[in-house]
C-alpha atoms as a PDB file:
ATOM      1  CA  UNK A   1     -37.491 -70.873  53.369  1.00  0.00           C
ATOM      2  CA  UNK A   2     -36.003 -73.945  51.644  1.00  0.00           C
ATOM      3  CA  UNK A   3     -38.168 -76.214  53.805  1.00  0.00           C
ATOM      4  CA  UNK A   4     -41.189 -74.130  52.946  1.00  0.00           C
ATOM      5  CA  UNK A   5     -40.244 -74.381  49.264  1.00  0.00           C
ATOM      6  CA  UNK A   6     -40.031 -70.589  48.911  1.00  0.00           C
ATOM      7  CA  UNK A   7     -37.399 -70.721  46.214  1.00  0.00           C
ATOM      8  CA  UNK A   8     -38.406 -67.364  44.766  1.00  0.00           C
ATOM      9  CA  UNK A   9     -37.476 -65.603  48.023  1.00  0.00           C
ATOM     10  CA  UNK A  10     -34.526 -67.815  48.911  1.00  0.00           C
ATOM     11  CA  UNK A  11     -32.432 -67.393  45.763  1.00  0.00           C
ATOM     12  CA  UNK A  12     -32.020 -63.578  45.966  1.00  0.00           C
ATOM     13  CA  UNK A  13     -31.119 -63.772  49.652  1.00  0.00           C
ATOM     14  CA  UNK A  14     -28.572 -66.510  49.003  1.00  0.00           C
ATOM     15  CA  UNK A  15     -27.011 -64.464  46.170  1.00  0.00           C
ATOM     16  CA  UNK A  16     -26.767 -61.372  48.377  1.00  0.00           C
ATOM     17  CA  UNK A  17     -25.154 -63.294  51.237  1.00  0.00           C
ATOM     18  CA  UNK A  18     -22.728 -64.949  48.834  1.00  0.00           C
ATOM     19  CA  UNK A  19     -21.603 -61.576  47.434  1.00  0.00           C
ATOM     20  CA  UNK A  20     -21.222 -60.161  50.938  1.00  0.00           C
ATOM     21  CA  UNK A  21     -19.111 -63.121  52.040  1.00  0.00           C
ATOM     22  CA  UNK A  22     -17.028 -62.875  48.869  1.00  0.00           C
ATOM     23  CA  UNK A  23     -16.408 -59.140  49.396  1.00  0.00           C
ATOM     24  CA  UNK A  24     -15.442 -59.454  53.073  1.00  0.00           C
ATOM     25  CA  UNK A  25     -11.775 -60.357  52.276  1.00  0.00           C
ATOM     26  CA  UNK A  26     -11.462 -57.224  50.109  1.00  0.00           C
ATOM     27  CA  UNK A  27     -12.914 -55.069  52.841  1.00  0.00           C
ATOM     28  CA  UNK A  28     -10.630 -56.699  55.418  1.00  0.00           C
ATOM     29  CA  UNK A  29      -7.590 -56.188  53.185  1.00  0.00           C
ATOM     30  CA  UNK A  30      -8.415 -52.518  52.618  1.00  0.00           C
ATOM     31  CA  UNK A  31      -8.911 -51.917  56.347  1.00  0.00           C
ATOM     32  CA  UNK A  32      -5.678 -53.738  57.172  1.00  0.00           C
ATOM     33  CA  UNK A  33      -3.695 -51.760  54.590  1.00  0.00           C
ATOM     34  CA  UNK A  34      -5.175 -48.499  55.843  1.00  0.00           C
ATOM     35  CA  UNK A  35      -4.496 -49.315  59.509  1.00  0.00           C
ATOM     36  CA  UNK A  36      -0.903 -50.457  58.934  1.00  0.00           C
ATOM     37  CA  UNK A  37      -0.177 -47.533  56.615  1.00  0.00           C
ATOM     38  CA  UNK A  38      -1.626 -44.998  59.041  1.00  0.00           C
ATOM     39  CA  UNK A  39       0.367 -46.497  61.901  1.00  0.00           C
ATOM     40  CA  UNK A  40       3.603 -46.434  59.899  1.00  0.00           C
ATOM     41  CA  UNK A  41       2.927 -42.855  58.750  1.00  0.00           C
ATOM     42  CA  UNK A  42       2.393 -41.713  62.342  1.00  0.00           C
ATOM     43  CA  UNK A  43       5.521 -43.488  63.542  1.00  0.00           C
ATOM     44  CA  UNK A  44       7.669 -42.048  60.750  1.00  0.00           C
ATOM     45  CA  UNK A  45       6.178 -38.599  61.328  1.00  0.00           C
ATOM     46  CA  UNK A  46       7.107 -38.707  65.005  1.00  0.00           C
ATOM     47  CA  UNK A  47      10.615 -39.985  64.276  1.00  0.00           C
ATOM     48  CA  UNK A  48      11.227 -37.331  61.617  1.00  0.00           C
ATOM     49  CA  UNK A  49       9.845 -34.508  63.782  1.00  0.00           C
ATOM     50  CA  UNK A  50      11.925 -35.470  66.821  1.00  0.00           C
ATOM     51  CA  UNK A  51      15.045 -36.041  64.719  1.00  0.00           C
ATOM     52  CA  UNK A  52      14.786 -32.668  63.006  1.00  0.00           C
ATOM     53  CA  UNK A  53      14.081 -30.924  66.304  1.00  0.00           C
ATOM     54  CA  UNK A  54      17.080 -32.628  67.950  1.00  0.00           C
ATOM     55  CA  UNK A  55      19.504 -31.494  65.235  1.00  0.00           C
ATOM     56  CA  UNK A  56      18.477 -27.855  65.826  1.00  0.00           C
ATOM     57  CA  UNK A  57      16.309 -27.205  62.777  1.00  0.00           C
ATOM     58  CA  UNK A  58      13.826 -25.175  64.815  1.00  0.00           C
ATOM     59  CA  UNK A  59      16.580 -22.897  66.135  1.00  0.00           C
ATOM     60  CA  UNK A  60      17.885 -22.372  62.617  1.00  0.00           C
ATOM     61  CA  UNK A  61      14.393 -21.485  61.395  1.00  0.00           C
ATOM     62  CA  UNK A  62      13.972 -18.953  64.211  1.00  0.00           C
ATOM     63  CA  UNK A  63      17.286 -17.304  63.364  1.00  0.00           C
ATOM     64  CA  UNK A  64      16.341 -17.209  59.685  1.00  0.00           C
ATOM     65  CA  UNK A  65      13.014 -15.534  60.515  1.00  0.00           C
ATOM     66  CA  UNK A  66      10.744 -18.398  59.455  1.00  0.00           C
ATOM     67  CA  UNK A  67       8.944 -18.309  62.806  1.00  0.00           C
ATOM     68  CA  UNK A  68       7.289 -15.048  61.750  1.00  0.00           C
ATOM     69  CA  UNK A  69       5.859 -16.818  58.700  1.00  0.00           C
ATOM     70  CA  UNK A  70       4.719 -20.078  60.328  1.00  0.00           C
ATOM     71  CA  UNK A  71       3.408 -18.558  63.561  1.00  0.00           C
ATOM     72  CA  UNK A  72       3.095 -21.114  66.370  1.00  0.00           C
ATOM     73  CA  UNK A  73       4.040 -24.053  64.142  1.00  0.00           C
ATOM     74  CA  UNK A  74       7.609 -25.315  64.269  1.00  0.00           C
ATOM     75  CA  UNK A  75       9.509 -26.155  61.104  1.00  0.00           C
ATOM     76  CA  UNK A  76      10.179 -29.703  62.290  1.00  0.00           C
ATOM     77  CA  UNK A  77       6.445 -30.258  62.858  1.00  0.00           C
ATOM     78  CA  UNK A  78       5.585 -28.905  59.416  1.00  0.00           C
ATOM     79  CA  UNK A  79       8.116 -31.192  57.719  1.00  0.00           C
ATOM     80  CA  UNK A  80       6.818 -34.137  59.766  1.00  0.00           C
ATOM     81  CA  UNK A  81       3.270 -33.389  58.633  1.00  0.00           C
ATOM     82  CA  UNK A  82       4.412 -33.264  54.996  1.00  0.00           C
ATOM     83  CA  UNK A  83       6.078 -36.681  55.397  1.00  0.00           C
ATOM     84  CA  UNK A  84       2.909 -38.045  57.016  1.00  0.00           C
ATOM     85  CA  UNK A  85       0.749 -36.871  54.101  1.00  0.00           C
ATOM     86  CA  UNK A  86       3.262 -38.166  51.544  1.00  0.00           C
ATOM     87  CA  UNK A  87       3.106 -41.646  53.110  1.00  0.00           C
ATOM     88  CA  UNK A  88      -0.641 -41.681  53.655  1.00  0.00           C
ATOM     89  CA  UNK A  89      -1.577 -40.840  50.046  1.00  0.00           C
ATOM     90  CA  UNK A  90      -0.160 -44.065  48.494  1.00  0.00           C
ATOM     91  CA  UNK A  91      -1.651 -46.006  51.406  1.00  0.00           C
ATOM     92  CA  UNK A  92      -5.092 -44.622  50.551  1.00  0.00           C
ATOM     93  CA  UNK A  93      -4.559 -45.524  46.896  1.00  0.00           C
ATOM     94  CA  UNK A  94      -3.615 -49.104  47.828  1.00  0.00           C
ATOM     95  CA  UNK A  95      -6.617 -49.402  50.166  1.00  0.00           C
ATOM     96  CA  UNK A  96      -9.016 -48.209  47.463  1.00  0.00           C
ATOM     97  CA  UNK A  97      -7.509 -50.636  44.950  1.00  0.00           C
ATOM     98  CA  UNK A  98      -7.994 -53.476  47.446  1.00  0.00           C
ATOM     99  CA  UNK A  99     -11.739 -52.791  47.564  1.00  0.00           C
ATOM    100  CA  UNK A 100     -11.977 -53.725  43.863  1.00  0.00           C
ATOM    101  CA  UNK A 101     -14.886 -51.317  43.348  1.00  0.00           C
ATOM    102  CA  UNK A 102     -13.651 -49.838  40.099  1.00  0.00           C
ATOM    103  CA  UNK A 103     -16.645 -47.605  39.419  1.00  0.00           C
ATOM    104  CA  UNK A 104     -16.365 -45.965  42.837  1.00  0.00           C
ATOM    105  CA  UNK A 105     -12.658 -46.130  43.648  1.00  0.00           C
ATOM    106  CA  UNK A 106     -11.183 -45.394  40.215  1.00  0.00           C
ATOM    107  CA  UNK A 107     -11.904 -41.611  40.259  1.00  0.00           C
ATOM    108  CA  UNK A 108     -10.600 -41.317  43.807  1.00  0.00           C
ATOM    109  CA  UNK A 109      -7.496 -43.347  42.927  1.00  0.00           C
ATOM    110  CA  UNK A 110      -6.845 -41.174  39.882  1.00  0.00           C
ATOM    111  CA  UNK A 111      -7.142 -38.035  41.978  1.00  0.00           C
ATOM    112  CA  UNK A 112      -4.747 -39.370  44.615  1.00  0.00           C
ATOM    113  CA  UNK A 113      -2.303 -40.492  41.933  1.00  0.00           C
ATOM    114  CA  UNK A 114      -2.387 -37.007  40.427  1.00  0.00           C
ATOM    115  CA  UNK A 115      -1.663 -35.494  43.838  1.00  0.00           C
ATOM    116  CA  UNK A 116       1.142 -37.990  44.350  1.00  0.00           C
ATOM    117  CA  UNK A 117       2.636 -37.060  40.969  1.00  0.00           C
ATOM    118  CA  UNK A 118       2.573 -33.363  41.861  1.00  0.00           C
ATOM    119  CA  UNK A 119       4.242 -33.879  45.250  1.00  0.00           C
ATOM    120  CA  UNK A 120       7.870 -33.892  43.935  1.00  0.00           C
ATOM    121  CA  UNK A 121       7.341 -30.627  42.045  1.00  0.00           C
ATOM    122  CA  UNK A 122       5.535 -29.139  45.037  1.00  0.00           C
ATOM    123  CA  UNK A 123       8.365 -30.202  47.323  1.00  0.00           C
ATOM    124  CA  UNK A 124      10.960 -28.688  44.956  1.00  0.00           C
ATOM    125  CA  UNK A 125       9.013 -25.416  44.719  1.00  0.00           C
ATOM    126  CA  UNK A 126       8.649 -25.228  48.504  1.00  0.00           C
ATOM    127  CA  UNK A 127      12.351 -25.932  48.957  1.00  0.00           C
ATOM    128  CA  UNK A 128      13.243 -23.156  46.488  1.00  0.00           C
ATOM    129  CA  UNK A 129      11.056 -20.661  48.344  1.00  0.00           C
ATOM    130  CA  UNK A 130      12.377 -21.657  51.774  1.00  0.00           C
ATOM    131  CA  UNK A 131      16.038 -21.463  50.714  1.00  0.00           C
ATOM    132  CA  UNK A 132      15.414 -18.162  48.925  1.00  0.00           C
ATOM    133  CA  UNK A 133      13.707 -16.735  52.010  1.00  0.00           C
ATOM    134  CA  UNK A 134      16.593 -17.750  54.268  1.00  0.00           C
ATOM    135  CA  UNK A 135      19.200 -16.341  51.862  1.00  0.00           C
ATOM    136  CA  UNK A 136      17.070 -13.217  51.361  1.00  0.00           C
ATOM    137  CA  UNK A 137      16.817 -12.575  55.102  1.00  0.00           C
ATOM    138  CA  UNK A 138      20.587 -12.919  55.460  1.00  0.00           C
ATOM    139  CA  UNK A 139      21.305 -10.593  52.530  1.00  0.00           C
ATOM    140  CA  UNK A 140      18.616  -8.189  53.728  1.00  0.00           C
ATOM    141  CA  UNK A 141      20.273  -7.933  57.133  1.00  0.00           C
ATOM    142  CA  UNK A 142      23.710  -7.464  55.579  1.00  0.00           C
ATOM    143  CA  UNK A 143      22.385  -4.756  53.253  1.00  0.00           C
ATOM    144  CA  UNK A 144      20.657  -2.934  56.112  1.00  0.00           C
ATOM    145  CA  UNK A 145      23.761  -3.007  58.307  1.00  0.00           C
ATOM    146  CA  UNK A 146      26.051  -1.957  55.451  1.00  0.00           C
ATOM    147  CA  UNK A 147      23.869   0.982  54.395  1.00  0.00           C
ATOM    148  CA  UNK A 148      23.422   2.057  58.021  1.00  0.00           C
ATOM    149  CA  UNK A 149      27.189   2.022  58.480  1.00  0.00           C
ATOM    150  CA  UNK A 150      27.819   4.295  55.498  1.00  0.00           C
ATOM    151  CA  UNK A 151      25.152   6.806  56.578  1.00  0.00           C
ATOM    152  CA  UNK A 152      22.426   5.922  54.090  1.00  0.00           C
ATOM    153  CA  UNK A 153      19.720   6.735  56.640  1.00  0.00           C
ATOM    154  CA  UNK A 154      20.353  10.456  56.077  1.00  0.00           C
ATOM    155  CA  UNK A 155      19.537  10.222  52.355  1.00  0.00           C
ATOM    156  CA  UNK A 156      16.007  11.637  52.741  1.00  0.00           C
ATOM    157  CA  UNK A 157      17.322  14.531  54.801  1.00  0.00           C
ATOM    158  CA  UNK A 158      19.977  15.268  52.186  1.00  0.00           C
ATOM    159  CA  UNK A 159      17.328  15.227  49.478  1.00  0.00           C
ATOM    160  CA  UNK A 160      15.172  17.641  51.430  1.00  0.00           C
ATOM    161  CA  UNK A 161      12.279  15.189  51.754  1.00  0.00           C
ATOM    162  CA  UNK A 162      12.332  14.840  55.549  1.00  0.00           C
ATOM    163  CA  UNK A 163      13.538  16.635  58.627  1.00  0.00           C
ATOM    164  CA  UNK A 164      16.576  15.455  60.523  1.00  0.00           C
ATOM    165  CA  UNK A 165      14.428  14.013  63.348  1.00  0.00           C
ATOM    166  CA  UNK A 166      12.494  10.841  62.469  1.00  0.00           C
ATOM    167  CA  UNK A 167       9.409   9.487  64.195  1.00  0.00           C
ATOM    168  CA  UNK A 168       9.760   6.753  66.784  1.00  0.00           C
ATOM    169  CA  UNK A 169       9.422   3.281  65.283  1.00  0.00           C
ATOM    170  CA  UNK A 170       9.581   4.547  61.693  1.00  0.00           C
ATOM    171  CA  UNK A 171      11.444   2.369  59.220  1.00  0.00           C
ATOM    172  CA  UNK A 172      14.793   3.756  58.154  1.00  0.00           C
ATOM    173  CA  UNK A 173      15.849   3.969  54.485  1.00  0.00           C
ATOM    174  CA  UNK A 174      18.389   1.215  55.155  1.00  0.00           C
ATOM    175  CA  UNK A 175      15.646  -1.115  56.378  1.00  0.00           C
ATOM    176  CA  UNK A 176      13.515  -0.269  53.341  1.00  0.00           C
ATOM    177  CA  UNK A 177      16.445  -1.081  51.048  1.00  0.00           C
ATOM    178  CA  UNK A 178      16.997  -4.372  52.890  1.00  0.00           C
ATOM    179  CA  UNK A 179      13.325  -5.281  52.476  1.00  0.00           C
ATOM    180  CA  UNK A 180      13.566  -4.484  48.760  1.00  0.00           C
ATOM    181  CA  UNK A 181      16.476  -6.915  48.486  1.00  0.00           C
ATOM    182  CA  UNK A 182      14.372  -9.602  50.199  1.00  0.00           C
ATOM    183  CA  UNK A 183      11.402  -8.907  47.912  1.00  0.00           C
ATOM    184  CA  UNK A 184      13.601  -9.073  44.795  1.00  0.00           C
ATOM    185  CA  UNK A 185      15.090 -12.427  45.838  1.00  0.00           C
ATOM    186  CA  UNK A 186      11.645 -13.834  46.629  1.00  0.00           C
ATOM    187  CA  UNK A 187      10.315 -12.694  43.236  1.00  0.00           C
ATOM    188  CA  UNK A 188      13.113 -14.508  41.403  1.00  0.00           C
ATOM    189  CA  UNK A 189      12.533 -17.586  43.575  1.00  0.00           C
ATOM    190  CA  UNK A 190       8.785 -17.414  42.913  1.00  0.00           C
ATOM    191  CA  UNK A 191       9.454 -17.470  39.155  1.00  0.00           C
ATOM    192  CA  UNK A 192      11.503 -20.666  39.445  1.00  0.00           C
ATOM    193  CA  UNK A 193       9.048 -22.248  41.901  1.00  0.00           C
ATOM    194  CA  UNK A 194       6.081 -21.581  39.625  1.00  0.00           C
ATOM    195  CA  UNK A 195       7.984 -23.037  36.664  1.00  0.00           C
ATOM    196  CA  UNK A 196       8.671 -26.163  38.705  1.00  0.00           C
ATOM    197  CA  UNK A 197       4.923 -26.531  39.127  1.00  0.00           C
ATOM    198  CA  UNK A 198       4.412 -26.127  35.375  1.00  0.00           C
ATOM    199  CA  UNK A 199       2.620 -22.759  35.443  1.00  0.00           C
ATOM    200  CA  UNK A 200       4.543 -21.101  32.610  1.00  0.00           C
ATOM    201  CA  UNK A 201       1.999 -18.313  32.056  1.00  0.00           C
ATOM    202  CA  UNK A 202       2.083 -17.308  35.721  1.00  0.00           C
ATOM    203  CA  UNK A 203       5.889 -17.479  35.703  1.00  0.00           C
ATOM    204  CA  UNK A 204       6.010 -15.175  32.687  1.00  0.00           C
ATOM    205  CA  UNK A 205       3.606 -12.770  34.415  1.00  0.00           C
ATOM    206  CA  UNK A 206       5.765 -12.655  37.557  1.00  0.00           C
ATOM    207  CA  UNK A 207       8.902 -12.165  35.417  1.00  0.00           C
ATOM    208  CA  UNK A 208       7.321  -9.188  33.639  1.00  0.00           C
ATOM    209  CA  UNK A 209       6.243  -7.703  36.951  1.00  0.00           C
ATOM    210  CA  UNK A 210       9.794  -8.152  38.280  1.00  0.00           C
ATOM    211  CA  UNK A 211      11.265  -6.342  35.261  1.00  0.00           C
ATOM    212  CA  UNK A 212       8.736  -3.505  35.638  1.00  0.00           C
ATOM    213  CA  UNK A 213       9.457  -3.216  39.379  1.00  0.00           C
ATOM    214  CA  UNK A 214      13.190  -3.032  38.642  1.00  0.00           C
ATOM    215  CA  UNK A 215      12.625  -0.252  36.113  1.00  0.00           C
ATOM    216  CA  UNK A 216      10.494   1.664  38.620  1.00  0.00           C
ATOM    217  CA  UNK A 217      13.158   1.330  41.331  1.00  0.00           C
ATOM    218  CA  UNK A 218      15.870   2.446  38.907  1.00  0.00           C
ATOM    219  CA  UNK A 219      13.716   5.415  37.877  1.00  0.00           C
ATOM    220  CA  UNK A 220      13.300   6.405  41.524  1.00  0.00           C
ATOM    221  CA  UNK A 221      17.078   6.156  42.009  1.00  0.00           C
ATOM    222  CA  UNK A 222      17.627   8.436  39.000  1.00  0.00           C
ATOM    223  CA  UNK A 223      15.106  10.946  40.364  1.00  0.00           C
ATOM    224  CA  UNK A 224      16.766  10.809  43.791  1.00  0.00           C
ATOM    225  CA  UNK A 225      20.164  11.551  42.233  1.00  0.00           C
ATOM    226  CA  UNK A 226      18.549  14.425  40.359  1.00  0.00           C
ATOM    227  CA  UNK A 227      17.128  15.830  43.598  1.00  0.00           C
ATOM    228  CA  UNK A 228      20.538  15.610  45.257  1.00  0.00           C
ATOM    229  CA  UNK A 229      22.239  17.397  42.352  1.00  0.00           C
ATOM    230  CA  UNK A 230      19.488  20.038  42.301  1.00  0.00           C
ATOM    231  CA  UNK A 231      19.956  20.765  46.018  1.00  0.00           C
ATOM    232  CA  UNK A 232      23.734  20.801  45.604  1.00  0.00           C
ATOM    233  CA  UNK A 233      23.576  23.234  42.692  1.00  0.00           C
ATOM    234  CA  UNK A 234      21.100  25.452  44.556  1.00  0.00           C
ATOM    235  CA  UNK A 235      23.283  25.610  47.688  1.00  0.00           C
ATOM    236  CA  UNK A 236      26.404  26.291  45.617  1.00  0.00           C
ATOM    237  CA  UNK A 237      24.769  29.192  43.785  1.00  0.00           C
ATOM    238  CA  UNK A 238      23.322  30.650  46.990  1.00  0.00           C
ATOM    239  CA  UNK A 239      26.730  30.651  48.669  1.00  0.00           C
ATOM    240  CA  UNK A 240      28.169  32.724  45.808  1.00  0.00           C
ATOM    241  CA  UNK A 241      28.188  36.486  45.558  1.00  0.00           C
ATOM    242  CA  UNK A 242      26.337  36.749  42.244  1.00  0.00           C
ATOM    243  CA  UNK A 243      23.488  39.198  41.935  1.00  0.00           C
ATOM    244  CA  UNK A 244      20.020  37.680  42.112  1.00  0.00           C
ATOM    245  CA  UNK A 245      21.558  34.410  43.312  1.00  0.00           C
ATOM    246  CA  UNK A 246      18.242  33.184  44.686  1.00  0.00           C
ATOM    247  CA  UNK A 247      16.674  33.446  41.228  1.00  0.00           C
ATOM    248  CA  UNK A 248      19.578  31.600  39.611  1.00  0.00           C
ATOM    249  CA  UNK A 249      19.436  28.940  42.343  1.00  0.00           C
ATOM    250  CA  UNK A 250      15.706  28.442  41.818  1.00  0.00           C
ATOM    251  CA  UNK A 251      16.134  28.207  38.037  1.00  0.00           C
ATOM    252  CA  UNK A 252      18.946  25.659  38.384  1.00  0.00           C
ATOM    253  CA  UNK A 253      16.984  23.604  40.897  1.00  0.00           C
ATOM    254  CA  UNK A 254      13.824  23.513  38.781  1.00  0.00           C
ATOM    255  CA  UNK A 255      15.759  22.712  35.600  1.00  0.00           C
ATOM    256  CA  UNK A 256      17.635  19.790  37.155  1.00  0.00           C
ATOM    257  CA  UNK A 257      14.470  18.403  38.783  1.00  0.00           C
ATOM    258  CA  UNK A 258      12.558  18.601  35.496  1.00  0.00           C
ATOM    259  CA  UNK A 259      15.396  16.881  33.638  1.00  0.00           C
ATOM    260  CA  UNK A 260      15.722  14.165  36.291  1.00  0.00           C
ATOM    261  CA  UNK A 261      11.943  13.645  36.334  1.00  0.00           C
ATOM    262  CA  UNK A 262      11.853  13.213  32.568  1.00  0.00           C
ATOM    263  CA  UNK A 263      14.753  10.724  32.696  1.00  0.00           C
ATOM    264  CA  UNK A 264      13.102   8.811  35.553  1.00  0.00           C
ATOM    265  CA  UNK A 265       9.744   8.566  33.788  1.00  0.00           C
ATOM    266  CA  UNK A 266      11.444   7.459  30.588  1.00  0.00           C
ATOM    267  CA  UNK A 267      13.331   4.767  32.505  1.00  0.00           C
ATOM    268  CA  UNK A 268      10.060   3.560  34.017  1.00  0.00           C
ATOM    269  CA  UNK A 269       8.613   3.287  30.522  1.00  0.00           C
ATOM    270  CA  UNK A 270       5.629   5.500  31.326  1.00  0.00           C
ATOM    271  CA  UNK A 271       4.501   7.210  28.089  1.00  0.00           C
ATOM    272  CA  UNK A 272       7.988   7.687  26.652  1.00  0.00           C
ATOM    273  CA  UNK A 273       6.705   9.394  23.481  1.00  0.00           C
ATOM    274  CA  UNK A 274       4.662  11.910  25.447  1.00  0.00           C
ATOM    275  CA  UNK A 275       7.636  12.660  27.721  1.00  0.00           C
ATOM    276  CA  UNK A 276       9.967  13.170  24.741  1.00  0.00           C
ATOM    277  CA  UNK A 277       7.443  15.440  23.032  1.00  0.00           C
ATOM    278  CA  UNK A 278       6.760  17.473  26.192  1.00  0.00           C
ATOM    279  CA  UNK A 279      10.462  17.837  26.986  1.00  0.00           C
ATOM    280  CA  UNK A 280      11.255  18.874  23.419  1.00  0.00           C
ATOM    281  CA  UNK A 281       8.434  21.424  23.402  1.00  0.00           C
ATOM    282  CA  UNK A 282       9.583  22.786  26.760  1.00  0.00           C
ATOM    283  CA  UNK A 283      13.173  23.283  25.607  1.00  0.00           C
ATOM    284  CA  UNK A 284      11.986  24.741  22.298  1.00  0.00           C
ATOM    285  CA  UNK A 285       9.681  27.211  24.026  1.00  0.00           C
ATOM    286  CA  UNK A 286      12.456  28.279  26.400  1.00  0.00           C
ATOM    287  CA  UNK A 287      14.850  28.769  23.475  1.00  0.00           C
ATOM    288  CA  UNK A 288      12.275  30.784  21.509  1.00  0.00           C
ATOM    289  CA  UNK A 289      11.472  32.900  24.576  1.00  0.00           C
ATOM    290  CA  UNK A 290      15.156  33.656  25.175  1.00  0.00           C
ATOM    291  CA  UNK A 291      15.666  34.470  21.489  1.00  0.00           C
ATOM    292  CA  UNK A 292      12.693  36.824  21.403  1.00  0.00           C
ATOM    293  CA  UNK A 293      13.683  38.505  24.658  1.00  0.00           C
ATOM    294  CA  UNK A 294      17.280  38.938  23.503  1.00  0.00           C
ATOM    295  CA  UNK A 295      16.398  39.960  19.958  1.00  0.00           C
ATOM    296  CA  UNK A 296      13.647  42.452  20.719  1.00  0.00           C
ATOM    297  CA  UNK A 297      14.069  43.601  24.271  1.00  0.00           C
ATOM    298  CA  UNK A 298      17.873  43.926  24.170  1.00  0.00           C
ATOM    299  CA  UNK A 299      18.511  44.505  20.488  1.00  0.00           C
ATOM    300  CA  UNK A 300      20.578  47.684  20.897  1.00  0.00           C
ATOM    301  CA  UNK A 301      22.634  46.256  23.749  1.00  0.00           C
ATOM    302  CA  UNK A 302      23.208  43.050  21.786  1.00  0.00           C
ATOM    303  CA  UNK A 303      24.327  45.091  18.726  1.00  0.00           C
ATOM    304  CA  UNK A 304      26.874  47.083  20.734  1.00  0.00           C
ATOM    305  CA  UNK A 305      28.238  43.990  22.440  1.00  0.00           C
ATOM    306  CA  UNK A 306      28.530  42.163  19.119  1.00  0.00           C
ATOM    307  CA  UNK A 307      30.353  45.137  17.497  1.00  0.00           C
ATOM    308  CA  UNK A 308      32.786  45.314  20.420  1.00  0.00           C
ATOM    309  CA  UNK A 309      33.388  41.563  20.198  1.00  0.00           C
ATOM    310  CA  UNK A 310      34.071  41.727  16.410  1.00  0.00           C
ATOM    311  CA  UNK A 311      36.369  44.728  16.939  1.00  0.00           C
ATOM    312  CA  UNK A 312      38.319  42.858  19.610  1.00  0.00           C
ATOM    313  CA  UNK A 313      39.023  39.828  17.432  1.00  0.00           C
ATOM    314  CA  UNK A 314      40.242  41.754  14.383  1.00  0.00           C
ATOM    315  CA  UNK A 315      43.998  41.636  13.688  1.00  0.00           C
ATOM    316  CA  UNK A 316      45.881  44.663  14.922  1.00  0.00           C
ATOM    317  CA  UNK A 317      47.298  45.280  11.428  1.00  0.00           C
ATOM    318  CA  UNK A 318      43.833  46.033  10.104  1.00  0.00           C
ATOM    319  CA  UNK A 319      43.020  48.551  12.807  1.00  0.00           C
ATOM    320  CA  UNK A 320      42.796  52.160  11.526  1.00  0.00           C
ATOM    321  CA  UNK A 321      45.840  54.320  12.274  1.00  0.00           C
ATOM    322  CA  UNK A 322      45.431  57.432  14.350  1.00  0.00           C
END
């Protein structure tokens, strides 16, 4: 083109080739950084995975119950993958910076830098959850074994909520209590993990849910104690020789259950004003009914009994002489 004196076509082509040749070192540098970084990340991942597997981390995770959470993945492989990603992210940032294409690489670099800045908090939150899960599984097992040893599995039978024979494969009350311990520990750990990530609103929401769940569990415990006392009072009255013992036993059982239910609902915080008003109206109506029945239906009997009682407490010196 120069020999043909086609300068109008030659100059743009020369400028394009010059820019391509000038950009080749940047492209080569980015590719070299990416290749070396990827190779180092893979090597370190393999070393970390094999080292953790050799020290028995996978066996510890299986004993702690983490295998049920991760499925077919081993804990050493998961940690190795996390290390691989943690190394590869700064490598990608360095490779993009080497390209010197600010308009294209700057948003991607900013995104990767943001991810890299979040990694420590994410690692801390994951560590909190993992440690809490391991501790929770241990405490859950101890709680289940302890409650089984003291006969807690018969609590539903004692409360009259289930027959003595249980279905095959059904969870026992001790196992349910152990799972509640695990859930409580994981909720507290989730609050701290979310705060590590900077989600204060979500942490506050989980904290409120934890408080509400604790109040519900405590309300159920109060109602369970009420059921036990109601059954105990009913059996005690039925074993006596009082007339109409079945009626007295039923009245005692219903009264204790109603009182325990009101206390449980109040502890749960479910419409406390309505519960107080209903309970007050119930007691007031019972008192008025007893007063009316005693004052109108048994007025003569009540008068004679009251006169005999007043006569019995008078001093002997004031009694009329015969």
